[in-house]
Amino acid sequence: MTYIVNDACIACKYTDCVEVCPVDCFYEGENMLVIHPDECIDCGVCEPECPADAIRPDTEPGMEKWVEFNRKYSELWPVIITKKDPLPTAEEMDGKEGKMEFFSEKPGEGG
């Protein structure tokens, strides 16, 4: 099992999760994070840290597409291990549905 980040993270990009991850398996895009599914050790400490409820176990229904999404972008984006401020749009976008239209494939800064 692994954990994934879904579209609830888009345009929020809270990074509370990266500080608690013992294996540094989070990767940063311009406006969201992803988890490398092969690096995640299924400890679950990140899930309750996400204010946007964007981190889910891959055992939930419909998560297969998110495992592949996370795998793809974790191989393209830099690792992030340091907590940063959320995006300026975080409060406004937190909880909104259909955020894939705002997704950016561009990498973040990492760090």
PDB file of N, CA and C in Angstrom:
ATOM      1  N   MET A   1       0.830  -1.180   0.000  1.00  0.00           N
ATOM      2  CA  MET A   1       0.000   0.000   0.000  1.00  0.00           C
ATOM      3  C   MET A   1       0.876   1.246   0.000  1.00  0.00           C
ATOM      4  N   THR A   2       0.319   2.320  -0.502  1.00  0.00           N
ATOM      5  CA  THR A   2       0.983   3.615  -0.494  1.00  0.00           C
ATOM      6  C   THR A   2      -0.073   4.685  -0.258  1.00  0.00           C
ATOM      7  N   TYR A   3       0.377   5.868  -0.039  1.00  0.00           N
ATOM      8  CA  TYR A   3      -0.516   7.017   0.044  1.00  0.00           C
ATOM      9  C   TYR A   3      -0.342   7.842  -1.216  1.00  0.00           C
ATOM     10  N   ILE A   4      -1.364   8.595  -1.573  1.00  0.00           N
ATOM     11  CA  ILE A   4      -1.320   9.442  -2.764  1.00  0.00           C
ATOM     12  C   ILE A   4      -1.796  10.840  -2.384  1.00  0.00           C
ATOM     13  N   VAL A   5      -1.460  11.797  -3.236  1.00  0.00           N
ATOM     14  CA  VAL A   5      -1.996  13.148  -3.130  1.00  0.00           C
ATOM     15  C   VAL A   5      -2.956  13.308  -4.296  1.00  0.00           C
ATOM     16  N   ASN A   6      -4.164  13.790  -4.019  1.00  0.00           N
ATOM     17  CA  ASN A   6      -5.138  13.982  -5.095  1.00  0.00           C
ATOM     18  C   ASN A   6      -5.330  15.466  -5.415  1.00  0.00           C
ATOM     19  N   ASP A   7      -6.309  15.765  -6.253  1.00  0.00           N
ATOM     20  CA  ASP A   7      -6.497  17.128  -6.746  1.00  0.00           C
ATOM     21  C   ASP A   7      -6.926  18.133  -5.683  1.00  0.00           C
ATOM     22  N   ALA A   8      -7.257  17.682  -4.492  1.00  0.00           N
ATOM     23  CA  ALA A   8      -7.586  18.622  -3.417  1.00  0.00           C
ATOM     24  C   ALA A   8      -6.378  19.491  -3.052  1.00  0.00           C
ATOM     25  N   CYS A   9      -5.180  19.047  -3.403  1.00  0.00           N
ATOM     26  CA  CYS A   9      -3.951  19.792  -3.115  1.00  0.00           C
ATOM     27  C   CYS A   9      -3.734  20.953  -4.090  1.00  0.00           C
ATOM     28  N   ILE A  10      -4.285  20.855  -5.270  1.00  0.00           N
ATOM     29  CA  ILE A  10      -4.046  21.846  -6.323  1.00  0.00           C
ATOM     30  C   ILE A  10      -4.470  23.236  -5.852  1.00  0.00           C
ATOM     31  N   ALA A  11      -3.586  24.196  -6.064  1.00  0.00           N
ATOM     32  CA  ALA A  11      -3.788  25.613  -5.742  1.00  0.00           C
ATOM     33  C   ALA A  11      -3.821  25.880  -4.241  1.00  0.00           C
ATOM     34  N   CYS A  12      -3.517  24.867  -3.434  1.00  0.00           N
ATOM     35  CA  CYS A  12      -3.366  25.046  -1.985  1.00  0.00           C
ATOM     36  C   CYS A  12      -1.893  24.818  -1.618  1.00  0.00           C
ATOM     37  N   LYS A  13      -1.434  23.611  -1.896  1.00  0.00           N
ATOM     38  CA  LYS A  13      -0.056  23.173  -1.654  1.00  0.00           C
ATOM     39  C   LYS A  13       0.411  23.450  -0.229  1.00  0.00           C
ATOM     40  N   TYR A  14      -0.373  22.936   0.712  1.00  0.00           N
ATOM     41  CA  TYR A  14       0.088  22.947   2.102  1.00  0.00           C
ATOM     42  C   TYR A  14       1.253  21.969   2.194  1.00  0.00           C
ATOM     43  N   THR A  15       2.246  22.281   2.968  1.00  0.00           N
ATOM     44  CA  THR A  15       3.420  21.411   3.035  1.00  0.00           C
ATOM     45  C   THR A  15       3.663  20.861   4.447  1.00  0.00           C
ATOM     46  N   ASP A  16       2.634  20.861   5.274  1.00  0.00           N
ATOM     47  CA  ASP A  16       2.744  20.302   6.623  1.00  0.00           C
ATOM     48  C   ASP A  16       3.201  18.843   6.560  1.00  0.00           C
ATOM     49  N   CYS A  17       2.770  18.142   5.530  1.00  0.00           N
ATOM     50  CA  CYS A  17       3.043  16.714   5.359  1.00  0.00           C
ATOM     51  C   CYS A  17       4.521  16.398   5.169  1.00  0.00           C
ATOM     52  N   VAL A  18       5.259  17.281   4.504  1.00  0.00           N
ATOM     53  CA  VAL A  18       6.645  16.948   4.170  1.00  0.00           C
ATOM     54  C   VAL A  18       7.541  16.894   5.399  1.00  0.00           C
ATOM     55  N   GLU A  19       7.202  17.668   6.412  1.00  0.00           N
ATOM     56  CA  GLU A  19       8.029  17.684   7.624  1.00  0.00           C
ATOM     57  C   GLU A  19       7.939  16.398   8.427  1.00  0.00           C
ATOM     58  N   VAL A  20       6.810  15.709   8.338  1.00  0.00           N
ATOM     59  CA  VAL A  20       6.639  14.486   9.137  1.00  0.00           C
ATOM     60  C   VAL A  20       7.031  13.219   8.382  1.00  0.00           C
ATOM     61  N   CYS A  21       7.252  13.313   7.089  1.00  0.00           N
ATOM     62  CA  CYS A  21       7.573  12.131   6.274  1.00  0.00           C
ATOM     63  C   CYS A  21       8.973  11.609   6.619  1.00  0.00           C
ATOM     64  N   PRO A  22       9.068  10.367   7.103  1.00  0.00           N
ATOM     65  CA  PRO A  22      10.374   9.832   7.495  1.00  0.00           C
ATOM     66  C   PRO A  22      11.251   9.394   6.319  1.00  0.00           C
ATOM     67  N   VAL A  23      10.680   9.301   5.122  1.00  0.00           N
ATOM     68  CA  VAL A  23      11.461   8.824   3.978  1.00  0.00           C
ATOM     69  C   VAL A  23      11.578   9.847   2.846  1.00  0.00           C
ATOM     70  N   ASP A  24      11.118  11.059   3.060  1.00  0.00           N
ATOM     71  CA  ASP A  24      11.250  12.137   2.071  1.00  0.00           C
ATOM     72  C   ASP A  24      10.736  11.732   0.696  1.00  0.00           C
ATOM     73  N   CYS A  25       9.484  11.277   0.639  1.00  0.00           N
ATOM     74  CA  CYS A  25       8.929  10.808  -0.633  1.00  0.00           C
ATOM     75  C   CYS A  25       7.951  11.797  -1.269  1.00  0.00           C
ATOM     76  N   PHE A  26       7.958  13.063  -0.806  1.00  0.00           N
ATOM     77  CA  PHE A  26       7.116  14.098  -1.412  1.00  0.00           C
ATOM     78  C   PHE A  26       7.900  14.865  -2.467  1.00  0.00           C
ATOM     79  N   TYR A  27       7.207  15.215  -3.545  1.00  0.00           N
ATOM     80  CA  TYR A  27       7.809  15.950  -4.647  1.00  0.00           C
ATOM     81  C   TYR A  27       6.934  17.151  -4.953  1.00  0.00           C
ATOM     82  N   GLU A  28       7.594  18.264  -5.320  1.00  0.00           N
ATOM     83  CA  GLU A  28       6.896  19.530  -5.442  1.00  0.00           C
ATOM     84  C   GLU A  28       6.712  19.996  -6.879  1.00  0.00           C
ATOM     85  N   GLY A  29       5.446  20.209  -7.216  1.00  0.00           N
ATOM     86  CA  GLY A  29       5.112  20.858  -8.472  1.00  0.00           C
ATOM     87  C   GLY A  29       4.844  22.329  -8.219  1.00  0.00           C
ATOM     88  N   GLU A  30       4.561  23.054  -9.276  1.00  0.00           N
ATOM     89  CA  GLU A  30       4.309  24.485  -9.149  1.00  0.00           C
ATOM     90  C   GLU A  30       3.138  24.777  -8.205  1.00  0.00           C
ATOM     91  N   ASN A  31       2.064  23.943  -8.290  1.00  0.00           N
ATOM     92  CA  ASN A  31       0.910  24.252  -7.444  1.00  0.00           C
ATOM     93  C   ASN A  31       0.315  23.048  -6.710  1.00  0.00           C
ATOM     94  N   MET A  32       1.102  21.974  -6.561  1.00  0.00           N
ATOM     95  CA  MET A  32       0.673  20.837  -5.737  1.00  0.00           C
ATOM     96  C   MET A  32       1.864  19.956  -5.410  1.00  0.00           C
ATOM     97  N   LEU A  33       1.640  19.004  -4.523  1.00  0.00           N
ATOM     98  CA  LEU A  33       2.648  18.006  -4.165  1.00  0.00           C
ATOM     99  C   LEU A  33       2.178  16.640  -4.631  1.00  0.00           C
ATOM    100  N   VAL A  34       3.110  15.704  -4.759  1.00  0.00           N
ATOM    101  CA  VAL A  34       2.789  14.300  -5.016  1.00  0.00           C
ATOM    102  C   VAL A  34       3.689  13.438  -4.143  1.00  0.00           C
ATOM    103  N   ILE A  35       3.303  12.172  -4.011  1.00  0.00           N
ATOM    104  CA  ILE A  35       4.072  11.184  -3.251  1.00  0.00           C
ATOM    105  C   ILE A  35       4.580  10.126  -4.222  1.00  0.00           C
ATOM    106  N   HIS A  36       5.858   9.794  -4.133  1.00  0.00           N
ATOM    107  CA  HIS A  36       6.386   8.714  -4.974  1.00  0.00           C
ATOM    108  C   HIS A  36       5.893   7.392  -4.378  1.00  0.00           C
ATOM    109  N   PRO A  37       5.041   6.646  -5.104  1.00  0.00           N
ATOM    110  CA  PRO A  37       4.443   5.440  -4.544  1.00  0.00           C
ATOM    111  C   PRO A  37       5.438   4.329  -4.217  1.00  0.00           C
ATOM    112  N   ASP A  38       6.587   4.308  -4.866  1.00  0.00           N
ATOM    113  CA  ASP A  38       7.576   3.272  -4.584  1.00  0.00           C
ATOM    114  C   ASP A  38       8.463   3.630  -3.390  1.00  0.00           C
ATOM    115  N   GLU A  39       8.453   4.887  -2.989  1.00  0.00           N
ATOM    116  CA  GLU A  39       9.257   5.334  -1.850  1.00  0.00           C
ATOM    117  C   GLU A  39       8.447   5.399  -0.560  1.00  0.00           C
ATOM    118  N   CYS A  40       7.148   5.551  -0.680  1.00  0.00           N
ATOM    119  CA  CYS A  40       6.260   5.641   0.486  1.00  0.00           C
ATOM    120  C   CYS A  40       6.299   4.312   1.248  1.00  0.00           C
ATOM    121  N   ILE A  41       6.449   4.404   2.570  1.00  0.00           N
ATOM    122  CA  ILE A  41       6.513   3.188   3.390  1.00  0.00           C
ATOM    123  C   ILE A  41       5.197   2.911   4.114  1.00  0.00           C
ATOM    124  N   ASP A  42       4.147   3.602   3.735  1.00  0.00           N
ATOM    125  CA  ASP A  42       2.818   3.342   4.276  1.00  0.00           C
ATOM    126  C   ASP A  42       2.735   3.573   5.787  1.00  0.00           C
ATOM    127  N   CYS A  43       3.462   4.556   6.278  1.00  0.00           N
ATOM    128  CA  CYS A  43       3.410   4.812   7.723  1.00  0.00           C
ATOM    129  C   CYS A  43       2.167   5.609   8.104  1.00  0.00           C
ATOM    130  N   GLY A  44       1.654   6.407   7.168  1.00  0.00           N
ATOM    131  CA  GLY A  44       0.419   7.139   7.396  1.00  0.00           C
ATOM    132  C   GLY A  44       0.540   8.415   8.201  1.00  0.00           C
ATOM    133  N   VAL A  45       1.737   8.821   8.589  1.00  0.00           N
ATOM    134  CA  VAL A  45       1.852  10.029   9.408  1.00  0.00           C
ATOM    135  C   VAL A  45       1.499  11.302   8.642  1.00  0.00           C
ATOM    136  N   CYS A  46       1.593  11.281   7.343  1.00  0.00           N
ATOM    137  CA  CYS A  46       1.302  12.475   6.542  1.00  0.00           C
ATOM    138  C   CYS A  46      -0.194  12.759   6.411  1.00  0.00           C
ATOM    139  N   GLU A  47      -1.005  11.721   6.370  1.00  0.00           N
ATOM    140  CA  GLU A  47      -2.436  11.881   6.087  1.00  0.00           C
ATOM    141  C   GLU A  47      -3.136  12.867   7.026  1.00  0.00           C
ATOM    142  N   PRO A  48      -2.994  12.737   8.351  1.00  0.00           N
ATOM    143  CA  PRO A  48      -3.692  13.680   9.232  1.00  0.00           C
ATOM    144  C   PRO A  48      -3.098  15.089   9.226  1.00  0.00           C
ATOM    145  N   GLU A  49      -1.912  15.258   8.670  1.00  0.00           N
ATOM    146  CA  GLU A  49      -1.265  16.573   8.644  1.00  0.00           C
ATOM    147  C   GLU A  49      -1.800  17.481   7.543  1.00  0.00           C
ATOM    148  N   CYS A  50      -2.503  16.931   6.568  1.00  0.00           N
ATOM    149  CA  CYS A  50      -2.946  17.711   5.411  1.00  0.00           C
ATOM    150  C   CYS A  50      -4.241  18.474   5.710  1.00  0.00           C
ATOM    151  N   PRO A  51      -4.182  19.801   5.769  1.00  0.00           N
ATOM    152  CA  PRO A  51      -5.382  20.589   6.036  1.00  0.00           C
ATOM    153  C   PRO A  51      -6.447  20.466   4.935  1.00  0.00           C
ATOM    154  N   ALA A  52      -6.021  20.135   3.724  1.00  0.00           N
ATOM    155  CA  ALA A  52      -6.959  20.041   2.594  1.00  0.00           C
ATOM    156  C   ALA A  52      -7.515  18.627   2.410  1.00  0.00           C
ATOM    157  N   ASP A  53      -7.107  17.688   3.251  1.00  0.00           N
ATOM    158  CA  ASP A  53      -7.539  16.291   3.140  1.00  0.00           C
ATOM    159  C   ASP A  53      -7.229  15.726   1.747  1.00  0.00           C
ATOM    160  N   ALA A  54      -6.055  16.060   1.238  1.00  0.00           N
ATOM    161  CA  ALA A  54      -5.654  15.641  -0.106  1.00  0.00           C
ATOM    162  C   ALA A  54      -4.848  14.358  -0.126  1.00  0.00           C
ATOM    163  N   ILE A  55      -4.468  13.850   1.030  1.00  0.00           N
ATOM    164  CA  ILE A  55      -3.662  12.629   1.109  1.00  0.00           C
ATOM    165  C   ILE A  55      -4.575  11.475   1.495  1.00  0.00           C
ATOM    166  N   ARG A  56      -4.585  10.452   0.649  1.00  0.00           N
ATOM    167  CA  ARG A  56      -5.481   9.314   0.837  1.00  0.00           C
ATOM    168  C   ARG A  56      -4.710   8.008   0.639  1.00  0.00           C
ATOM    169  N   PRO A  57      -5.122   6.929   1.294  1.00  0.00           N
ATOM    170  CA  PRO A  57      -4.501   5.626   1.028  1.00  0.00           C
ATOM    171  C   PRO A  57      -4.936   5.111  -0.335  1.00  0.00           C
ATOM    172  N   ASP A  58      -4.050   4.400  -1.009  1.00  0.00           N
ATOM    173  CA  ASP A  58      -4.376   3.899  -2.355  1.00  0.00           C
ATOM    174  C   ASP A  58      -5.383   2.755  -2.337  1.00  0.00           C
ATOM    175  N   THR A  59      -5.762   2.306  -1.151  1.00  0.00           N
ATOM    176  CA  THR A  59      -6.725   1.210  -1.048  1.00  0.00           C
ATOM    177  C   THR A  59      -8.175   1.687  -1.173  1.00  0.00           C
ATOM    178  N   GLU A  60      -8.382   2.992  -1.166  1.00  0.00           N
ATOM    179  CA  GLU A  60      -9.738   3.516  -1.345  1.00  0.00           C
ATOM    180  C   GLU A  60     -10.159   3.352  -2.806  1.00  0.00           C
ATOM    181  N   PRO A  61     -11.449   3.213  -3.067  1.00  0.00           N
ATOM    182  CA  PRO A  61     -11.928   3.056  -4.449  1.00  0.00           C
ATOM    183  C   PRO A  61     -11.523   4.237  -5.334  1.00  0.00           C
ATOM    184  N   GLY A  62     -11.125   3.922  -6.566  1.00  0.00           N
ATOM    185  CA  GLY A  62     -10.797   4.952  -7.557  1.00  0.00           C
ATOM    186  C   GLY A  62      -9.422   5.576  -7.417  1.00  0.00           C
ATOM    187  N   MET A  63      -8.570   5.014  -6.594  1.00  0.00           N
ATOM    188  CA  MET A  63      -7.257   5.621  -6.362  1.00  0.00           C
ATOM    189  C   MET A  63      -6.191   5.200  -7.375  1.00  0.00           C
ATOM    190  N   GLU A  64      -6.474   4.198  -8.194  1.00  0.00           N
ATOM    191  CA  GLU A  64      -5.462   3.709  -9.144  1.00  0.00           C
ATOM    192  C   GLU A  64      -4.935   4.828 -10.030  1.00  0.00           C
ATOM    193  N   LYS A  65      -5.830   5.687 -10.516  1.00  0.00           N
ATOM    194  CA  LYS A  65      -5.397   6.781 -11.404  1.00  0.00           C
ATOM    195  C   LYS A  65      -4.487   7.751 -10.658  1.00  0.00           C
ATOM    196  N   TRP A  66      -4.729   7.914  -9.343  1.00  0.00           N
ATOM    197  CA  TRP A  66      -3.901   8.829  -8.564  1.00  0.00           C
ATOM    198  C   TRP A  66      -2.532   8.228  -8.256  1.00  0.00           C
ATOM    199  N   VAL A  67      -2.453   6.919  -8.128  1.00  0.00           N
ATOM    200  CA  VAL A  67      -1.148   6.281  -7.938  1.00  0.00           C
ATOM    201  C   VAL A  67      -0.278   6.570  -9.158  1.00  0.00           C
ATOM    202  N   GLU A  68      -0.827   6.393 -10.344  1.00  0.00           N
ATOM    203  CA  GLU A  68      -0.062   6.638 -11.571  1.00  0.00           C
ATOM    204  C   GLU A  68       0.249   8.119 -11.758  1.00  0.00           C
ATOM    205  N   PHE A  69      -0.684   8.978 -11.417  1.00  0.00           N
ATOM    206  CA  PHE A  69      -0.472  10.427 -11.474  1.00  0.00           C
ATOM    207  C   PHE A  69       0.695  10.807 -10.557  1.00  0.00           C
ATOM    208  N   ASN A  70       0.667  10.311  -9.312  1.00  0.00           N
ATOM    209  CA  ASN A  70       1.739  10.606  -8.362  1.00  0.00           C
ATOM    210  C   ASN A  70       3.072  10.046  -8.840  1.00  0.00           C
ATOM    211  N   ARG A  71       3.045   8.836  -9.393  1.00  0.00           N
ATOM    212  CA  ARG A  71       4.281   8.231  -9.897  1.00  0.00           C
ATOM    213  C   ARG A  71       4.890   9.096 -11.013  1.00  0.00           C
ATOM    214  N   LYS A  72       4.055   9.487 -11.955  1.00  0.00           N
ATOM    215  CA  LYS A  72       4.532  10.279 -13.102  1.00  0.00           C
ATOM    216  C   LYS A  72       5.216  11.560 -12.655  1.00  0.00           C
ATOM    217  N   TYR A  73       4.534  12.328 -11.807  1.00  0.00           N
ATOM    218  CA  TYR A  73       5.083  13.637 -11.457  1.00  0.00           C
ATOM    219  C   TYR A  73       6.189  13.551 -10.404  1.00  0.00           C
ATOM    220  N   SER A  74       6.206  12.511  -9.597  1.00  0.00           N
ATOM    221  CA  SER A  74       7.305  12.368  -8.641  1.00  0.00           C
ATOM    222  C   SER A  74       8.615  12.057  -9.358  1.00  0.00           C
ATOM    223  N   GLU A  75       8.526  11.556 -10.563  1.00  0.00           N
ATOM    224  CA  GLU A  75       9.729  11.283 -11.347  1.00  0.00           C
ATOM    225  C   GLU A  75      10.184  12.497 -12.141  1.00  0.00           C
ATOM    226  N   LEU A  76       9.351  13.543 -12.176  1.00  0.00           N
ATOM    227  CA  LEU A  76       9.678  14.761 -12.924  1.00  0.00           C
ATOM    228  C   LEU A  76      10.008  15.955 -12.026  1.00  0.00           C
ATOM    229  N   TRP A  77       9.443  15.966 -10.833  1.00  0.00           N
ATOM    230  CA  TRP A  77       9.570  17.120  -9.946  1.00  0.00           C
ATOM    231  C   TRP A  77      10.621  16.898  -8.870  1.00  0.00           C
ATOM    232  N   PRO A  78      11.142  17.998  -8.267  1.00  0.00           N
ATOM    233  CA  PRO A  78      12.151  17.861  -7.211  1.00  0.00           C
ATOM    234  C   PRO A  78      11.551  17.443  -5.871  1.00  0.00           C
ATOM    235  N   VAL A  79      12.355  16.759  -5.077  1.00  0.00           N
ATOM    236  CA  VAL A  79      11.935  16.350  -3.736  1.00  0.00           C
ATOM    237  C   VAL A  79      11.785  17.594  -2.860  1.00  0.00           C
ATOM    238  N   ILE A  80      10.839  17.533  -1.938  1.00  0.00           N
ATOM    239  CA  ILE A  80      10.646  18.616  -0.973  1.00  0.00           C
ATOM    240  C   ILE A  80      10.638  18.009   0.421  1.00  0.00           C
ATOM    241  N   ILE A  81      11.448  18.582   1.310  1.00  0.00           N
ATOM    242  CA  ILE A  81      11.537  18.073   2.677  1.00  0.00           C
ATOM    243  C   ILE A  81      11.327  19.177   3.710  1.00  0.00           C
ATOM    244  N   THR A  82      11.203  20.417   3.260  1.00  0.00           N
ATOM    245  CA  THR A  82      11.075  21.561   4.148  1.00  0.00           C
ATOM    246  C   THR A  82       9.700  22.208   4.003  1.00  0.00           C
ATOM    247  N   LYS A  83       9.065  22.459   5.122  1.00  0.00           N
ATOM    248  CA  LYS A  83       7.755  23.119   5.101  1.00  0.00           C
ATOM    249  C   LYS A  83       7.895  24.537   4.550  1.00  0.00           C
ATOM    250  N   LYS A  84       6.954  24.907   3.686  1.00  0.00           N
ATOM    251  CA  LYS A  84       6.907  26.248   3.102  1.00  0.00           C
ATOM    252  C   LYS A  84       5.516  26.821   3.343  1.00  0.00           C
ATOM    253  N   ASP A  85       5.355  28.090   3.089  1.00  0.00           N
ATOM    254  CA  ASP A  85       4.035  28.708   3.178  1.00  0.00           C
ATOM    255  C   ASP A  85       3.141  28.135   2.090  1.00  0.00           C
ATOM    256  N   PRO A  86       1.839  27.977   2.381  1.00  0.00           N
ATOM    257  CA  PRO A  86       0.915  27.525   1.334  1.00  0.00           C
ATOM    258  C   PRO A  86       0.801  28.592   0.250  1.00  0.00           C
ATOM    259  N   LEU A  87       0.221  28.213  -0.868  1.00  0.00           N
ATOM    260  CA  LEU A  87       0.020  29.177  -1.947  1.00  0.00           C
ATOM    261  C   LEU A  87      -0.931  30.281  -1.489  1.00  0.00           C
ATOM    262  N   PRO A  88      -0.817  31.470  -2.071  1.00  0.00           N
ATOM    263  CA  PRO A  88      -1.706  32.570  -1.693  1.00  0.00           C
ATOM    264  C   PRO A  88      -3.191  32.248  -1.915  1.00  0.00           C
ATOM    265  N   THR A  89      -3.469  31.313  -2.816  1.00  0.00           N
ATOM    266  CA  THR A  89      -4.849  30.938  -3.125  1.00  0.00           C
ATOM    267  C   THR A  89      -5.384  29.831  -2.222  1.00  0.00           C
ATOM    268  N   ALA A  90      -4.594  29.363  -1.267  1.00  0.00           N
ATOM    269  CA  ALA A  90      -4.942  28.179  -0.474  1.00  0.00           C
ATOM    270  C   ALA A  90      -6.291  28.298   0.233  1.00  0.00           C
ATOM    271  N   GLU A  91      -6.511  29.368   0.968  1.00  0.00           N
ATOM    272  CA  GLU A  91      -7.775  29.504   1.703  1.00  0.00           C
ATOM    273  C   GLU A  91      -8.970  29.520   0.756  1.00  0.00           C
ATOM    274  N   GLU A  92      -8.840  30.259  -0.316  1.00  0.00           N
ATOM    275  CA  GLU A  92      -9.925  30.388  -1.298  1.00  0.00           C
ATOM    276  C   GLU A  92     -10.209  29.065  -2.021  1.00  0.00           C
ATOM    277  N   MET A  93      -9.165  28.301  -2.313  1.00  0.00           N
ATOM    278  CA  MET A  93      -9.311  27.086  -3.118  1.00  0.00           C
ATOM    279  C   MET A  93      -9.529  25.817  -2.291  1.00  0.00           C
ATOM    280  N   ASP A  94      -9.236  25.855  -1.017  1.00  0.00           N
ATOM    281  CA  ASP A  94      -9.382  24.680  -0.163  1.00  0.00           C
ATOM    282  C   ASP A  94     -10.841  24.221  -0.151  1.00  0.00           C
ATOM    283  N   GLY A  95     -11.054  22.973  -0.517  1.00  0.00           N
ATOM    284  CA  GLY A  95     -12.394  22.394  -0.517  1.00  0.00           C
ATOM    285  C   GLY A  95     -13.167  22.530  -1.820  1.00  0.00           C
ATOM    286  N   LYS A  96     -12.632  23.272  -2.777  1.00  0.00           N
ATOM    287  CA  LYS A  96     -13.322  23.400  -4.069  1.00  0.00           C
ATOM    288  C   LYS A  96     -13.225  22.106  -4.848  1.00  0.00           C
ATOM    289  N   GLU A  97     -14.244  21.803  -5.608  1.00  0.00           N
ATOM    290  CA  GLU A  97     -14.289  20.621  -6.470  1.00  0.00           C
ATOM    291  C   GLU A  97     -13.727  20.962  -7.852  1.00  0.00           C
ATOM    292  N   GLY A  98     -13.315  19.945  -8.589  1.00  0.00           N
ATOM    293  CA  GLY A  98     -12.906  20.117  -9.984  1.00  0.00           C
ATOM    294  C   GLY A  98     -11.690  20.996 -10.185  1.00  0.00           C
ATOM    295  N   LYS A  99     -10.655  20.791  -9.384  1.00  0.00           N
ATOM    296  CA  LYS A  99      -9.493  21.666  -9.474  1.00  0.00           C
ATOM    297  C   LYS A  99      -8.465  21.244 -10.524  1.00  0.00           C
ATOM    298  N   MET A 100      -8.703  20.155 -11.235  1.00  0.00           N
ATOM    299  CA  MET A 100      -7.733  19.723 -12.256  1.00  0.00           C
ATOM    300  C   MET A 100      -7.527  20.792 -13.321  1.00  0.00           C
ATOM    301  N   GLU A 101      -8.515  21.629 -13.563  1.00  0.00           N
ATOM    302  CA  GLU A 101      -8.358  22.685 -14.571  1.00  0.00           C
ATOM    303  C   GLU A 101      -7.268  23.681 -14.167  1.00  0.00           C
ATOM    304  N   PHE A 102      -6.911  23.718 -12.892  1.00  0.00           N
ATOM    305  CA  PHE A 102      -5.877  24.630 -12.405  1.00  0.00           C
ATOM    306  C   PHE A 102      -4.509  23.962 -12.290  1.00  0.00           C
ATOM    307  N   PHE A 103      -4.434  22.656 -12.550  1.00  0.00           N
ATOM    308  CA  PHE A 103      -3.192  21.895 -12.397  1.00  0.00           C
ATOM    309  C   PHE A 103      -2.098  22.393 -13.340  1.00  0.00           C
ATOM    310  N   SER A 104      -0.895  22.508 -12.806  1.00  0.00           N
ATOM    311  CA  SER A 104       0.278  22.882 -13.591  1.00  0.00           C
ATOM    312  C   SER A 104       1.278  21.736 -13.572  1.00  0.00           C
ATOM    313  N   GLU A 105       1.781  21.357 -14.734  1.00  0.00           N
ATOM    314  CA  GLU A 105       2.798  20.312 -14.823  1.00  0.00           C
ATOM    315  C   GLU A 105       4.196  20.831 -14.476  1.00  0.00           C
ATOM    316  N   LYS A 106       4.329  22.130 -14.330  1.00  0.00           N
ATOM    317  CA  LYS A 106       5.649  22.709 -14.058  1.00  0.00           C
ATOM    318  C   LYS A 106       6.146  22.270 -12.692  1.00  0.00           C
ATOM    319  N   PRO A 107       7.464  22.061 -12.574  1.00  0.00           N
ATOM    320  CA  PRO A 107       8.019  21.669 -11.279  1.00  0.00           C
ATOM    321  C   PRO A 107       8.047  22.837 -10.315  1.00  0.00           C
ATOM    322  N   GLY A 108       8.096  22.515  -9.029  1.00  0.00           N
ATOM    323  CA  GLY A 108       8.295  23.518  -8.009  1.00  0.00           C
ATOM    324  C   GLY A 108       9.790  23.688  -7.770  1.00  0.00           C
ATOM    325  N   GLU A 109      10.131  24.368  -6.691  1.00  0.00           N
ATOM    326  CA  GLU A 109      11.539  24.629  -6.371  1.00  0.00           C
ATOM    327  C   GLU A 109      12.178  23.492  -5.615  1.00  0.00           C
ATOM    328  N   GLY A 110      11.382  22.680  -4.930  1.00  0.00           N
ATOM    329  CA  GLY A 110      11.953  21.636  -4.089  1.00  0.00           C
ATOM    330  C   GLY A 110      12.620  22.244  -2.871  1.00  0.00           C
ATOM    331  N   GLY A 111      13.317  21.414  -2.149  1.00  0.00           N
ATOM    332  CA  GLY A 111      14.055  21.927  -1.007  1.00  0.00           C
ATOM    333  C   GLY A 111      13.586  21.414   0.315  1.00  0.00           C
TER     334      GLY A 111
END
